[in-house]
Amino acid sequence: MGCRIEDRTPTGTRRDEDTIHLILNQYAQRLSERDWAGLRALFWQDGIYAGPLGPGAPSDYHQAVSIDASVRILERWLRGVERGNFDVRVLRTDFRQQGDLAAVWIVTRRRVPSGSTAIEREWTEHVLLRRIDDEWRILSVAAVSSPRGGLR
């Protein structure tokens, strides 16, 4: 007689998790591609971003701003920057969901401009998502870059 593992995952949770992982991958991809309208569409109307924005911002910068303001800042900051000097990749995720609310810790690797070249660093981001009328979108993103050890 073999071992049998019971799956007690609530109905719909796996589908929700797949959908949320798709949104997180789109978040990273749209940032990398500088698809500002596509990035904005992943957030609810009053979505917020808290973390460093633009050159010279300290890695421990904590002010929360609207997603609209952060998209404008990113667009200005990256205007004229070579494509190869800005990239975002999802490395790993830790997903939690309760009903229509999901929280995901993600570790990303970001390549950001530094003078005429770029530096790579790991970032930790906490993404809060909400489902309304069967549609998942991002409520907020809080991000910090790794202080050490993640620099390349």
C-alpha atoms as a PDB file:
ATOM      1  CA  MET A   1       0.000   0.000   0.000  1.00  0.00           C
ATOM      2  CA  GLY A   2       1.442   3.351  -1.064  1.00  0.00           C
ATOM      3  CA  CYS A   3       1.404   6.722   0.607  1.00  0.00           C
ATOM      4  CA  ARG A   4      -1.350   9.107  -0.414  1.00  0.00           C
ATOM      5  CA  ILE A   5      -1.049  12.858   0.031  1.00  0.00           C
ATOM      6  CA  GLU A   6      -4.279  14.749   0.488  1.00  0.00           C
ATOM      7  CA  ASP A   7      -4.578  18.165  -1.110  1.00  0.00           C
ATOM      8  CA  ARG A   8      -6.689  20.397   1.105  1.00  0.00           C
ATOM      9  CA  THR A   9      -6.018  23.547  -0.848  1.00  0.00           C
ATOM     10  CA  PRO A  10      -9.214  25.627  -1.023  1.00  0.00           C
ATOM     11  CA  THR A  11     -10.972  25.471  -4.396  1.00  0.00           C
ATOM     12  CA  GLY A  12      -9.686  28.146  -6.753  1.00  0.00           C
ATOM     13  CA  THR A  13      -6.510  28.861  -4.789  1.00  0.00           C
ATOM     14  CA  ARG A  14      -4.152  27.216  -7.301  1.00  0.00           C
ATOM     15  CA  ARG A  15      -5.794  29.091 -10.175  1.00  0.00           C
ATOM     16  CA  ASP A  16      -5.500  32.312  -8.148  1.00  0.00           C
ATOM     17  CA  GLU A  17      -1.840  31.621  -7.443  1.00  0.00           C
ATOM     18  CA  ASP A  18      -1.158  31.019 -11.145  1.00  0.00           C
ATOM     19  CA  THR A  19      -2.930  34.286 -12.011  1.00  0.00           C
ATOM     20  CA  ILE A  20      -0.979  36.214  -9.379  1.00  0.00           C
ATOM     21  CA  HIS A  21       2.352  34.783 -10.541  1.00  0.00           C
ATOM     22  CA  LEU A  22       1.433  35.848 -14.076  1.00  0.00           C
ATOM     23  CA  ILE A  23       0.757  39.395 -12.796  1.00  0.00           C
ATOM     24  CA  LEU A  24       4.120  39.452 -10.986  1.00  0.00           C
ATOM     25  CA  ASN A  25       5.949  38.299 -14.113  1.00  0.00           C
ATOM     26  CA  GLN A  26       4.103  40.948 -16.137  1.00  0.00           C
ATOM     27  CA  TYR A  27       5.104  43.538 -13.518  1.00  0.00           C
ATOM     28  CA  ALA A  28       8.801  42.684 -13.979  1.00  0.00           C
ATOM     29  CA  GLN A  29       8.519  42.370 -17.765  1.00  0.00           C
ATOM     30  CA  ARG A  30       6.653  45.661 -18.207  1.00  0.00           C
ATOM     31  CA  LEU A  31       9.156  47.470 -15.997  1.00  0.00           C
ATOM     32  CA  SER A  32      12.018  46.038 -18.078  1.00  0.00           C
ATOM     33  CA  GLU A  33      10.308  46.909 -21.355  1.00  0.00           C
ATOM     34  CA  ARG A  34       9.340  50.364 -20.073  1.00  0.00           C
ATOM     35  CA  ASP A  35       5.733  49.614 -20.951  1.00  0.00           C
ATOM     36  CA  TRP A  36       4.361  52.311 -18.665  1.00  0.00           C
ATOM     37  CA  ALA A  37       0.699  51.967 -19.692  1.00  0.00           C
ATOM     38  CA  GLY A  38       0.913  48.187 -19.331  1.00  0.00           C
ATOM     39  CA  LEU A  39       2.585  48.512 -15.928  1.00  0.00           C
ATOM     40  CA  ARG A  40      -0.040  50.988 -14.731  1.00  0.00           C
ATOM     41  CA  ALA A  41      -2.838  48.627 -15.840  1.00  0.00           C
ATOM     42  CA  LEU A  42      -1.645  46.003 -13.324  1.00  0.00           C
ATOM     43  CA  PHE A  43      -2.568  48.290 -10.396  1.00  0.00           C
ATOM     44  CA  TRP A  44      -5.893  49.302  -8.900  1.00  0.00           C
ATOM     45  CA  GLN A  45      -6.790  52.978  -9.326  1.00  0.00           C
ATOM     46  CA  ASP A  46      -5.271  54.097  -6.018  1.00  0.00           C
ATOM     47  CA  GLY A  47      -2.243  51.789  -6.160  1.00  0.00           C
ATOM     48  CA  ILE A  48       0.935  52.881  -4.402  1.00  0.00           C
ATOM     49  CA  TYR A  49       4.677  52.282  -4.632  1.00  0.00           C
ATOM     50  CA  ALA A  50       7.078  52.727  -1.717  1.00  0.00           C
ATOM     51  CA  GLY A  51      10.779  52.498  -2.385  1.00  0.00           C
ATOM     52  CA  PRO A  52      13.717  54.144  -4.138  1.00  0.00           C
ATOM     53  CA  LEU A  53      12.877  55.902  -7.395  1.00  0.00           C
ATOM     54  CA  GLY A  54      15.478  57.307  -9.714  1.00  0.00           C
ATOM     55  CA  PRO A  55      19.200  57.951  -9.501  1.00  0.00           C
ATOM     56  CA  GLY A  56      20.665  58.820  -6.139  1.00  0.00           C
ATOM     57  CA  ALA A  57      17.642  57.676  -4.149  1.00  0.00           C
ATOM     58  CA  PRO A  58      18.859  55.919  -1.017  1.00  0.00           C
ATOM     59  CA  SER A  59      18.087  52.203  -0.837  1.00  0.00           C
ATOM     60  CA  ASP A  60      16.200  52.740   2.416  1.00  0.00           C
ATOM     61  CA  TYR A  61      13.894  55.413   0.955  1.00  0.00           C
ATOM     62  CA  HIS A  62      10.415  54.758   2.324  1.00  0.00           C
ATOM     63  CA  GLN A  63       8.023  57.419   1.026  1.00  0.00           C
ATOM     64  CA  ALA A  64       4.896  55.941  -0.541  1.00  0.00           C
ATOM     65  CA  VAL A  65       3.666  57.631  -3.714  1.00  0.00           C
ATOM     66  CA  SER A  66       0.842  56.889  -6.099  1.00  0.00           C
ATOM     67  CA  ILE A  67       1.588  54.458  -8.884  1.00  0.00           C
ATOM     68  CA  ASP A  68       0.865  57.271 -11.349  1.00  0.00           C
ATOM     69  CA  ALA A  69       3.575  59.467  -9.792  1.00  0.00           C
ATOM     70  CA  SER A  70       6.081  56.609  -9.648  1.00  0.00           C
ATOM     71  CA  VAL A  71       5.481  55.692 -13.308  1.00  0.00           C
ATOM     72  CA  ARG A  72       6.115  59.345 -14.297  1.00  0.00           C
ATOM     73  CA  ILE A  73       9.331  59.423 -12.252  1.00  0.00           C
ATOM     74  CA  LEU A  74      10.576  56.132 -13.733  1.00  0.00           C
ATOM     75  CA  GLU A  75       9.741  57.243 -17.265  1.00  0.00           C
ATOM     76  CA  ARG A  76      11.732  60.482 -16.825  1.00  0.00           C
ATOM     77  CA  TRP A  77      14.630  58.719 -15.109  1.00  0.00           C
ATOM     78  CA  LEU A  78      14.972  56.054 -17.801  1.00  0.00           C
ATOM     79  CA  ARG A  79      14.487  58.339 -20.794  1.00  0.00           C
ATOM     80  CA  GLY A  80      17.630  57.983 -22.909  1.00  0.00           C
ATOM     81  CA  VAL A  81      19.046  55.083 -20.860  1.00  0.00           C
ATOM     82  CA  GLU A  82      20.189  52.153 -23.007  1.00  0.00           C
ATOM     83  CA  ARG A  83      17.866  49.134 -22.893  1.00  0.00           C
ATOM     84  CA  GLY A  84      20.650  46.909 -21.583  1.00  0.00           C
ATOM     85  CA  ASN A  85      21.163  49.147 -18.551  1.00  0.00           C
ATOM     86  CA  PHE A  86      17.744  48.508 -17.002  1.00  0.00           C
ATOM     87  CA  ASP A  87      16.182  45.118 -16.386  1.00  0.00           C
ATOM     88  CA  VAL A  88      14.025  43.417 -13.736  1.00  0.00           C
ATOM     89  CA  ARG A  89      13.834  39.640 -13.219  1.00  0.00           C
ATOM     90  CA  VAL A  90      11.823  37.699 -10.634  1.00  0.00           C
ATOM     91  CA  LEU A  91      14.101  35.226  -8.826  1.00  0.00           C
ATOM     92  CA  ARG A  92      11.765  33.742  -6.210  1.00  0.00           C
ATOM     93  CA  THR A  93       8.417  34.303  -4.529  1.00  0.00           C
ATOM     94  CA  ASP A  94       6.689  33.509  -1.250  1.00  0.00           C
ATOM     95  CA  PHE A  95       2.923  33.561  -1.747  1.00  0.00           C
ATOM     96  CA  ARG A  96       0.148  33.867   0.862  1.00  0.00           C
ATOM     97  CA  GLN A  97      -3.563  34.208   0.149  1.00  0.00           C
ATOM     98  CA  GLN A  98      -6.662  34.620   2.252  1.00  0.00           C
ATOM     99  CA  GLY A  99      -9.806  34.895   0.155  1.00  0.00           C
ATOM    100  CA  ASP A 100      -9.653  38.000  -2.040  1.00  0.00           C
ATOM    101  CA  LEU A 101      -6.376  39.260  -0.571  1.00  0.00           C
ATOM    102  CA  ALA A 102      -2.897  38.014  -1.474  1.00  0.00           C
ATOM    103  CA  ALA A 103       0.544  39.040  -0.275  1.00  0.00           C
ATOM    104  CA  VAL A 104       3.707  38.034  -2.078  1.00  0.00           C
ATOM    105  CA  TRP A 105       7.303  38.561  -1.054  1.00  0.00           C
ATOM    106  CA  ILE A 106       9.371  38.577  -4.224  1.00  0.00           C
ATOM    107  CA  VAL A 107      13.097  38.734  -4.693  1.00  0.00           C
ATOM    108  CA  THR A 108      14.039  40.402  -7.945  1.00  0.00           C
ATOM    109  CA  ARG A 109      17.330  41.097  -9.638  1.00  0.00           C
ATOM    110  CA  ARG A 110      17.408  44.604 -11.020  1.00  0.00           C
ATOM    111  CA  ARG A 111      19.966  46.062 -13.366  1.00  0.00           C
ATOM    112  CA  VAL A 112      19.880  49.831 -12.981  1.00  0.00           C
ATOM    113  CA  PRO A 113      21.846  52.629 -14.630  1.00  0.00           C
ATOM    114  CA  SER A 114      24.991  53.839 -12.919  1.00  0.00           C
ATOM    115  CA  GLY A 115      26.711  56.473 -15.013  1.00  0.00           C
ATOM    116  CA  SER A 116      27.332  55.033 -18.470  1.00  0.00           C
ATOM    117  CA  THR A 117      27.074  51.430 -17.227  1.00  0.00           C
ATOM    118  CA  ALA A 118      24.755  49.508 -14.917  1.00  0.00           C
ATOM    119  CA  ILE A 119      24.885  47.716 -11.584  1.00  0.00           C
ATOM    120  CA  GLU A 120      22.924  44.628 -10.610  1.00  0.00           C
ATOM    121  CA  ARG A 121      21.431  44.171  -7.195  1.00  0.00           C
ATOM    122  CA  GLU A 122      18.831  41.974  -5.570  1.00  0.00           C
ATOM    123  CA  TRP A 123      15.693  43.671  -4.342  1.00  0.00           C
ATOM    124  CA  THR A 124      13.075  42.460  -1.901  1.00  0.00           C
ATOM    125  CA  GLU A 125       9.569  43.570  -2.754  1.00  0.00           C
ATOM    126  CA  HIS A 126       6.321  43.063  -0.875  1.00  0.00           C
ATOM    127  CA  VAL A 127       3.363  43.074  -3.260  1.00  0.00           C
ATOM    128  CA  LEU A 128      -0.200  43.249  -1.964  1.00  0.00           C
ATOM    129  CA  LEU A 129      -2.930  42.226  -4.409  1.00  0.00           C
ATOM    130  CA  ARG A 130      -6.718  42.360  -4.156  1.00  0.00           C
ATOM    131  CA  ARG A 131      -9.375  40.538  -6.140  1.00  0.00           C
ATOM    132  CA  ILE A 132     -12.508  42.537  -6.930  1.00  0.00           C
ATOM    133  CA  ASP A 133     -15.183  41.104  -9.236  1.00  0.00           C
ATOM    134  CA  ASP A 134     -12.919  38.163 -10.175  1.00  0.00           C
ATOM    135  CA  GLU A 135     -10.061  40.458 -11.238  1.00  0.00           C
ATOM    136  CA  TRP A 136      -6.711  40.497  -9.442  1.00  0.00           C
ATOM    137  CA  ARG A 137      -4.669  43.703  -9.417  1.00  0.00           C
ATOM    138  CA  ILE A 138      -1.887  45.194  -7.334  1.00  0.00           C
ATOM    139  CA  LEU A 139      -2.792  47.456  -4.398  1.00  0.00           C
ATOM    140  CA  SER A 140       0.760  48.271  -3.348  1.00  0.00           C
ATOM    141  CA  VAL A 141       4.429  47.510  -3.820  1.00  0.00           C
ATOM    142  CA  ALA A 142       7.048  48.213  -1.152  1.00  0.00           C
ATOM    143  CA  ALA A 143      10.636  47.675  -2.301  1.00  0.00           C
ATOM    144  CA  VAL A 144      14.134  47.843  -0.850  1.00  0.00           C
ATOM    145  CA  SER A 145      17.434  46.978  -2.472  1.00  0.00           C
ATOM    146  CA  SER A 146      19.809  44.611  -0.722  1.00  0.00           C
ATOM    147  CA  PRO A 147      22.294  46.604   1.331  1.00  0.00           C
ATOM    148  CA  ARG A 148      25.150  44.200   0.641  1.00  0.00           C
ATOM    149  CA  GLY A 149      25.776  40.809  -0.844  1.00  0.00           C
ATOM    150  CA  GLY A 150      23.328  41.380  -3.664  1.00  0.00           C
ATOM    151  CA  LEU A 151      25.555  43.794  -5.605  1.00  0.00           C
ATOM    152  CA  ARG A 152      27.165  42.582  -8.828  1.00  0.00           C
END
